[in-house]
Amino acid sequence: MATDYDAPRKTDQELQEDSLEELKAQHAEKTQASAVDIDEAEAAESIELPGADLSDQTLSVLVVPKQAGEFTCFRCNLVHQQSAKAGDDSGRPYCRDCDY
């Protein structure tokens, strides 16, 4: 916002009056905005994003079986290296991330 430094300055009384008027205007805007009830979930469902229809797309992912030196954490179900193993709970290994 540009400031005109040559413009005459307002007195404290004028500044207080201006700020009071601004507060009243903001309050009026808020009361008008709150009077309108918008169901956000319904509004989000009605929005169609461009390129969002991926029904004709196929997903191809190369699945690699668990390698030697890896384990599956029974808490987060992710495959980790043995170095990330924190311990065993009844014979079920868990990772350091799930140890907390």
N, C-alpha and C. Protein backbone atom coordinates (compact mmCIF):
# COMPACT_ATOMS: atom_id res chain seq x y z
N MET A 1 0.85 -1.16 0.00
CA MET A 1 0.00 0.00 0.00
C MET A 1 0.90 1.23 0.00
N ALA A 2 0.62 2.15 -0.87
CA ALA A 2 1.42 3.37 -0.98
C ALA A 2 1.00 4.35 0.10
N THR A 3 1.96 5.08 0.63
CA THR A 3 1.69 6.08 1.66
C THR A 3 2.08 7.45 1.13
N ASP A 4 1.17 8.38 1.28
CA ASP A 4 1.43 9.76 0.86
C ASP A 4 1.94 10.52 2.08
N TYR A 5 3.23 10.79 2.10
CA TYR A 5 3.82 11.46 3.25
C TYR A 5 3.55 12.96 3.27
N ASP A 6 3.07 13.50 2.16
CA ASP A 6 2.77 14.93 2.10
C ASP A 6 1.34 15.23 2.54
N ALA A 7 0.52 14.23 2.72
CA ALA A 7 -0.86 14.44 3.11
C ALA A 7 -0.91 14.91 4.56
N PRO A 8 -1.91 15.76 4.90
CA PRO A 8 -2.02 16.22 6.29
C PRO A 8 -2.34 15.04 7.22
N ARG A 9 -1.76 15.08 8.41
CA ARG A 9 -1.94 14.00 9.36
C ARG A 9 -3.22 14.19 10.15
N LYS A 10 -3.79 13.06 10.56
CA LYS A 10 -5.02 13.09 11.35
C LYS A 10 -4.68 13.23 12.82
N THR A 11 -5.58 13.85 13.56
CA THR A 11 -5.40 13.99 15.00
C THR A 11 -5.79 12.67 15.68
N ASP A 12 -5.48 12.55 16.96
CA ASP A 12 -5.82 11.35 17.71
C ASP A 12 -7.33 11.13 17.74
N GLN A 13 -8.08 12.22 17.86
CA GLN A 13 -9.55 12.11 17.89
C GLN A 13 -10.07 11.54 16.57
N GLU A 14 -9.53 12.01 15.45
CA GLU A 14 -9.96 11.51 14.15
C GLU A 14 -9.58 10.04 13.97
N LEU A 15 -8.42 9.66 14.45
CA LEU A 15 -7.99 8.27 14.34
C LEU A 15 -8.90 7.35 15.15
N GLN A 16 -9.30 7.78 16.35
CA GLN A 16 -10.20 6.98 17.17
C GLN A 16 -11.56 6.83 16.51
N GLU A 17 -12.07 7.89 15.93
CA GLU A 17 -13.36 7.85 15.26
C GLU A 17 -13.30 6.92 14.05
N ASP A 18 -12.20 7.03 13.29
CA ASP A 18 -12.05 6.17 12.12
C ASP A 18 -11.97 4.71 12.53
N SER A 19 -11.20 4.41 13.58
CA SER A 19 -11.06 3.02 13.98
C SER A 19 -12.38 2.48 14.52
N LEU A 20 -13.17 3.32 15.20
CA LEU A 20 -14.47 2.89 15.70
C LEU A 20 -15.40 2.57 14.54
N GLU A 21 -15.38 3.39 13.50
CA GLU A 21 -16.21 3.13 12.33
C GLU A 21 -15.78 1.85 11.62
N GLU A 22 -14.47 1.61 11.54
CA GLU A 22 -13.98 0.40 10.92
C GLU A 22 -14.41 -0.84 11.71
N LEU A 23 -14.35 -0.76 13.03
CA LEU A 23 -14.78 -1.89 13.87
C LEU A 23 -16.27 -2.17 13.68
N LYS A 24 -17.07 -1.12 13.60
CA LYS A 24 -18.50 -1.31 13.38
C LYS A 24 -18.75 -1.97 12.02
N ALA A 25 -18.01 -1.54 11.01
CA ALA A 25 -18.18 -2.12 9.68
C ALA A 25 -17.76 -3.59 9.67
N GLN A 26 -16.66 -3.91 10.34
CA GLN A 26 -16.20 -5.30 10.41
C GLN A 26 -17.21 -6.16 11.15
N HIS A 27 -17.78 -5.63 12.22
CA HIS A 27 -18.78 -6.39 12.98
C HIS A 27 -20.01 -6.65 12.13
N ALA A 28 -20.42 -5.66 11.36
CA ALA A 28 -21.59 -5.83 10.49
C ALA A 28 -21.31 -6.90 9.43
N GLU A 29 -20.10 -6.92 8.88
CA GLU A 29 -19.75 -7.93 7.88
C GLU A 29 -19.76 -9.33 8.48
N LYS A 30 -19.25 -9.47 9.71
CA LYS A 30 -19.22 -10.77 10.35
C LYS A 30 -20.62 -11.29 10.65
N THR A 31 -21.51 -10.41 11.09
CA THR A 31 -22.87 -10.86 11.39
C THR A 31 -23.60 -11.27 10.12
N GLN A 32 -23.33 -10.59 9.02
CA GLN A 32 -23.96 -10.96 7.76
C GLN A 32 -23.40 -12.29 7.26
N ALA A 33 -22.10 -12.49 7.41
CA ALA A 33 -21.47 -13.72 6.94
C ALA A 33 -21.91 -14.91 7.78
N SER A 34 -22.10 -14.73 9.08
CA SER A 34 -22.49 -15.84 9.92
C SER A 34 -23.96 -16.19 9.74
N ALA A 35 -24.75 -15.29 9.18
CA ALA A 35 -26.16 -15.56 8.97
C ALA A 35 -26.37 -16.59 7.87
N VAL A 36 -25.42 -16.74 6.98
CA VAL A 36 -25.53 -17.69 5.88
C VAL A 36 -24.88 -19.00 6.30
N ASP A 37 -25.66 -20.07 6.35
CA ASP A 37 -25.12 -21.38 6.70
C ASP A 37 -24.75 -22.12 5.42
N ILE A 38 -23.48 -22.49 5.34
CA ILE A 38 -22.98 -23.22 4.18
C ILE A 38 -22.50 -24.57 4.65
N ASP A 39 -23.05 -25.62 4.05
CA ASP A 39 -22.59 -26.97 4.36
C ASP A 39 -21.33 -27.21 3.54
N GLU A 40 -20.17 -27.20 4.22
CA GLU A 40 -18.90 -27.30 3.51
C GLU A 40 -18.74 -28.64 2.80
N ALA A 41 -19.21 -29.71 3.41
CA ALA A 41 -19.09 -31.02 2.78
C ALA A 41 -19.90 -31.07 1.48
N GLU A 42 -21.09 -30.51 1.52
CA GLU A 42 -21.93 -30.49 0.32
C GLU A 42 -21.31 -29.61 -0.77
N ALA A 43 -20.74 -28.49 -0.37
CA ALA A 43 -20.10 -27.59 -1.32
C ALA A 43 -18.87 -28.25 -1.94
N ALA A 44 -18.12 -29.02 -1.16
CA ALA A 44 -16.92 -29.67 -1.67
C ALA A 44 -17.27 -30.78 -2.65
N GLU A 45 -18.39 -31.47 -2.42
CA GLU A 45 -18.79 -32.54 -3.32
C GLU A 45 -19.24 -32.01 -4.68
N SER A 46 -19.75 -30.79 -4.70
CA SER A 46 -20.27 -30.25 -5.95
C SER A 46 -19.16 -29.67 -6.84
N ILE A 47 -17.95 -29.53 -6.31
CA ILE A 47 -16.85 -28.97 -7.08
C ILE A 47 -16.20 -30.07 -7.92
N GLU A 48 -16.09 -29.82 -9.18
CA GLU A 48 -15.45 -30.77 -10.10
C GLU A 48 -14.10 -30.20 -10.50
N LEU A 49 -13.04 -30.87 -10.11
CA LEU A 49 -11.71 -30.42 -10.45
C LEU A 49 -11.34 -30.87 -11.86
N PRO A 50 -10.67 -30.02 -12.62
CA PRO A 50 -10.27 -30.43 -13.97
C PRO A 50 -9.22 -31.54 -13.90
N GLY A 51 -9.44 -32.56 -14.68
CA GLY A 51 -8.50 -33.67 -14.72
C GLY A 51 -8.62 -34.61 -13.54
N ALA A 52 -9.69 -34.51 -12.75
CA ALA A 52 -9.84 -35.33 -11.56
C ALA A 52 -10.38 -36.72 -11.87
N ASP A 53 -10.99 -36.92 -13.02
CA ASP A 53 -11.55 -38.22 -13.37
C ASP A 53 -10.42 -39.14 -13.84
N LEU A 54 -10.04 -40.07 -13.00
CA LEU A 54 -8.96 -41.00 -13.33
C LEU A 54 -9.49 -42.42 -13.48
N SER A 55 -10.77 -42.56 -13.76
CA SER A 55 -11.37 -43.89 -13.84
C SER A 55 -10.82 -44.72 -15.00
N ASP A 56 -10.33 -44.07 -16.04
CA ASP A 56 -9.80 -44.82 -17.18
C ASP A 56 -8.31 -45.13 -17.02
N GLN A 57 -7.70 -44.71 -15.93
CA GLN A 57 -6.28 -44.93 -15.69
C GLN A 57 -6.07 -46.27 -14.98
N THR A 58 -4.99 -46.93 -15.31
CA THR A 58 -4.61 -48.14 -14.61
C THR A 58 -3.32 -47.88 -13.85
N LEU A 59 -3.22 -48.46 -12.69
CA LEU A 59 -2.05 -48.27 -11.85
C LEU A 59 -1.17 -49.49 -11.97
N SER A 60 0.07 -49.27 -12.35
CA SER A 60 1.00 -50.39 -12.45
C SER A 60 2.18 -50.11 -11.52
N VAL A 61 2.34 -51.00 -10.54
CA VAL A 61 3.39 -50.84 -9.54
C VAL A 61 4.15 -52.15 -9.47
N LEU A 62 5.44 -52.05 -9.44
CA LEU A 62 6.29 -53.22 -9.30
C LEU A 62 6.39 -53.55 -7.81
N VAL A 63 5.89 -54.73 -7.43
CA VAL A 63 5.91 -55.16 -6.04
C VAL A 63 7.10 -56.08 -5.85
N VAL A 64 7.97 -55.70 -4.93
CA VAL A 64 9.16 -56.49 -4.64
C VAL A 64 8.93 -57.21 -3.32
N PRO A 65 9.14 -58.51 -3.27
CA PRO A 65 8.94 -59.22 -2.02
C PRO A 65 9.97 -58.79 -0.97
N LYS A 66 9.64 -59.08 0.29
CA LYS A 66 10.52 -58.72 1.39
C LYS A 66 11.87 -59.40 1.20
N GLN A 67 12.94 -58.62 1.30
CA GLN A 67 14.30 -59.11 1.07
C GLN A 67 14.90 -59.62 2.38
N ALA A 68 16.00 -60.33 2.26
CA ALA A 68 16.73 -60.77 3.44
C ALA A 68 17.25 -59.53 4.16
N GLY A 69 17.19 -59.52 5.47
CA GLY A 69 17.63 -58.36 6.24
C GLY A 69 16.54 -57.32 6.42
N GLU A 70 15.30 -57.65 6.09
CA GLU A 70 14.18 -56.75 6.28
C GLU A 70 13.14 -57.42 7.18
N PHE A 71 12.32 -56.62 7.82
CA PHE A 71 11.23 -57.15 8.63
C PHE A 71 10.02 -56.26 8.47
N THR A 72 8.84 -56.78 8.77
CA THR A 72 7.61 -56.02 8.71
C THR A 72 7.20 -55.66 10.13
N CYS A 73 7.05 -54.39 10.39
CA CYS A 73 6.64 -53.92 11.71
C CYS A 73 5.18 -54.30 11.93
N PHE A 74 4.89 -54.93 13.07
CA PHE A 74 3.52 -55.35 13.31
C PHE A 74 2.62 -54.19 13.73
N ARG A 75 3.18 -53.05 14.07
CA ARG A 75 2.37 -51.89 14.47
C ARG A 75 2.01 -51.00 13.28
N CYS A 76 3.00 -50.67 12.44
CA CYS A 76 2.72 -49.77 11.31
C CYS A 76 2.63 -50.52 9.97
N ASN A 77 2.97 -51.81 9.97
CA ASN A 77 2.89 -52.67 8.78
C ASN A 77 3.78 -52.20 7.64
N LEU A 78 4.87 -51.53 7.96
CA LEU A 78 5.83 -51.12 6.94
C LEU A 78 7.04 -52.03 7.00
N VAL A 79 7.69 -52.20 5.85
CA VAL A 79 8.89 -53.02 5.78
C VAL A 79 10.09 -52.12 6.07
N HIS A 80 10.93 -52.55 7.02
CA HIS A 80 12.11 -51.79 7.44
C HIS A 80 13.34 -52.68 7.36
N GLN A 81 14.51 -52.03 7.36
CA GLN A 81 15.77 -52.75 7.48
C GLN A 81 15.92 -53.25 8.92
N GLN A 82 16.73 -54.29 9.11
CA GLN A 82 16.95 -54.83 10.45
C GLN A 82 17.53 -53.78 11.39
N SER A 83 18.26 -52.81 10.85
CA SER A 83 18.85 -51.77 11.69
C SER A 83 17.80 -50.88 12.33
N ALA A 84 16.57 -50.87 11.81
CA ALA A 84 15.50 -50.05 12.37
C ALA A 84 14.65 -50.81 13.37
N LYS A 85 15.03 -52.03 13.66
CA LYS A 85 14.26 -52.87 14.58
C LYS A 85 14.51 -52.44 16.02
N ALA A 86 13.43 -52.17 16.75
CA ALA A 86 13.56 -51.70 18.13
C ALA A 86 13.40 -52.85 19.12
N GLY A 87 12.60 -53.84 18.78
CA GLY A 87 12.39 -54.95 19.70
C GLY A 87 11.31 -55.88 19.21
N ASP A 88 10.98 -56.85 20.06
CA ASP A 88 9.93 -57.82 19.75
C ASP A 88 8.88 -57.77 20.85
N ASP A 89 7.63 -57.82 20.45
CA ASP A 89 6.53 -57.88 21.40
C ASP A 89 5.82 -59.20 21.17
N SER A 90 6.08 -60.17 22.02
CA SER A 90 5.53 -61.53 21.89
C SER A 90 5.92 -62.15 20.55
N GLY A 91 7.15 -61.94 20.14
CA GLY A 91 7.63 -62.52 18.90
C GLY A 91 7.29 -61.71 17.66
N ARG A 92 6.66 -60.56 17.84
CA ARG A 92 6.30 -59.71 16.70
C ARG A 92 7.21 -58.48 16.71
N PRO A 93 8.04 -58.31 15.68
CA PRO A 93 8.99 -57.19 15.68
C PRO A 93 8.30 -55.85 15.43
N TYR A 94 8.85 -54.80 16.02
CA TYR A 94 8.37 -53.44 15.76
C TYR A 94 9.55 -52.51 15.55
N CYS A 95 9.32 -51.44 14.82
CA CYS A 95 10.39 -50.52 14.41
C CYS A 95 10.62 -49.43 15.46
N ARG A 96 11.70 -48.68 15.28
CA ARG A 96 12.04 -47.59 16.20
C ARG A 96 11.00 -46.49 16.18
N ASP A 97 10.38 -46.25 15.03
CA ASP A 97 9.36 -45.20 14.95
C ASP A 97 8.14 -45.54 15.80
N CYS A 98 7.80 -46.81 15.90
CA CYS A 98 6.65 -47.25 16.68
C CYS A 98 7.00 -47.52 18.14
N ASP A 99 8.26 -47.42 18.49
CA ASP A 99 8.70 -47.73 19.85
C ASP A 99 8.28 -46.67 20.84
N TYR A 100 7.94 -45.47 20.36
CA TYR A 100 7.64 -44.37 21.27
C TYR A 100 6.26 -44.45 21.84
